[in-house]
Protein backbone atom coordinates (compact mmCIF):
# COMPACT_ATOMS: atom_id res chain seq x y z
CA GLU A 1 7.99 4.45 -7.33
CA SER A 2 4.36 5.21 -8.03
CA GLY A 3 3.62 7.01 -4.79
CA SER A 4 1.32 6.34 -1.89
CA GLU A 5 -2.44 6.61 -2.08
CA ASP A 6 -3.15 6.36 1.65
CA ILE A 7 -1.52 5.48 4.97
CA ASP A 8 -2.87 4.21 8.30
CA ILE A 9 -0.63 4.24 11.37
CA LEU A 10 -1.35 1.91 14.29
CA PRO A 11 -0.74 3.00 17.90
CA ASN A 12 2.32 0.68 18.04
CA GLY A 13 4.04 2.59 15.20
CA LEU A 14 3.35 0.19 12.32
CA ALA A 15 2.21 1.99 9.18
CA PHE A 16 0.24 0.34 6.37
CA ILE A 17 0.54 2.10 3.01
CA SER A 18 -1.57 1.55 -0.10
CA SER A 19 -0.02 2.31 -3.47
CA GLY A 20 -0.79 1.95 -7.15
CA LEU A 21 -4.15 3.69 -7.55
CA LYS A 22 -5.17 3.94 -11.19
CA TYR A 23 -7.94 6.37 -11.99
CA PRO A 24 -9.03 7.93 -15.30
CA GLY A 25 -7.25 11.23 -15.78
CA LEU A 26 -4.67 10.45 -13.08
CA LYS A 27 -1.14 9.96 -14.41
CA SER A 28 0.19 6.47 -13.69
CA PHE A 29 3.94 5.83 -13.69
CA ALA A 30 3.38 2.06 -13.89
CA PRO A 31 0.05 1.49 -15.68
CA ASP A 32 0.54 -2.28 -16.02
CA LYS A 33 1.68 -2.88 -12.44
CA PRO A 34 -0.97 -3.99 -9.90
CA GLY A 35 -1.52 -2.13 -6.65
CA GLU A 36 0.49 -2.92 -3.55
CA ILE A 37 0.33 -2.72 0.24
CA PHE A 38 3.48 -1.81 2.16
CA LEU A 39 4.38 -2.02 5.84
CA MET A 40 6.70 0.45 7.57
CA ASP A 41 7.85 0.24 11.19
CA LEU A 42 8.14 3.85 12.32
CA ASN A 43 9.95 2.73 15.49
CA GLU A 44 13.08 1.87 13.50
CA ASP A 45 15.97 4.33 13.22
CA ASN A 46 15.78 4.20 9.42
CA PRO A 47 12.27 3.02 8.56
CA ARG A 48 11.68 1.67 5.08
CA ALA A 49 8.58 0.45 3.33
CA VAL A 50 8.46 -3.31 2.74
CA GLU A 51 5.98 -4.77 0.25
CA LEU A 52 3.57 -7.24 1.84
CA ARG A 53 2.86 -10.49 0.02
CA ILE A 54 -0.78 -10.96 -0.91
CA SER A 55 -2.37 -14.40 -0.48
CA ARG A 56 -2.66 -16.79 -3.38
CA GLY A 57 -6.06 -16.89 -5.01
CA PHE A 58 -6.43 -13.10 -4.76
CA ASP A 59 -6.98 -11.35 -8.11
CA LEU A 60 -3.79 -9.31 -7.91
CA ALA A 61 -3.95 -8.21 -11.57
CA SER A 62 -7.02 -6.07 -10.84
CA PHE A 63 -5.90 -4.86 -7.39
CA ASN A 64 -6.36 -1.08 -7.40
CA PRO A 65 -6.31 0.10 -3.76
CA HIS A 66 -8.04 3.36 -2.98
CA GLY A 67 -7.52 4.06 0.69
CA ILE A 68 -6.67 1.80 3.59
CA SER A 69 -7.89 1.41 7.13
CA THR A 70 -7.20 -0.95 9.99
CA TYR A 71 -9.28 -2.39 12.80
CA VAL A 72 -7.66 -3.06 16.15
CA ASP A 73 -9.51 -5.51 18.41
């Protein structure tokens, strides 16, 4: 709904997508909604973004993701 801010695709085809960036002067379609992280499996015939649950205790109300990166060990 509010668009993607960034995407990082792993070699196995899993894509992590950050969404919900709020920045002064940038139009927000959902100003009261916290940011989100989505997962998309690009190996599927019809891939779709699925919202990932964020752990309890995390300050979700102020989550404002700007970018995303992954580390593969």
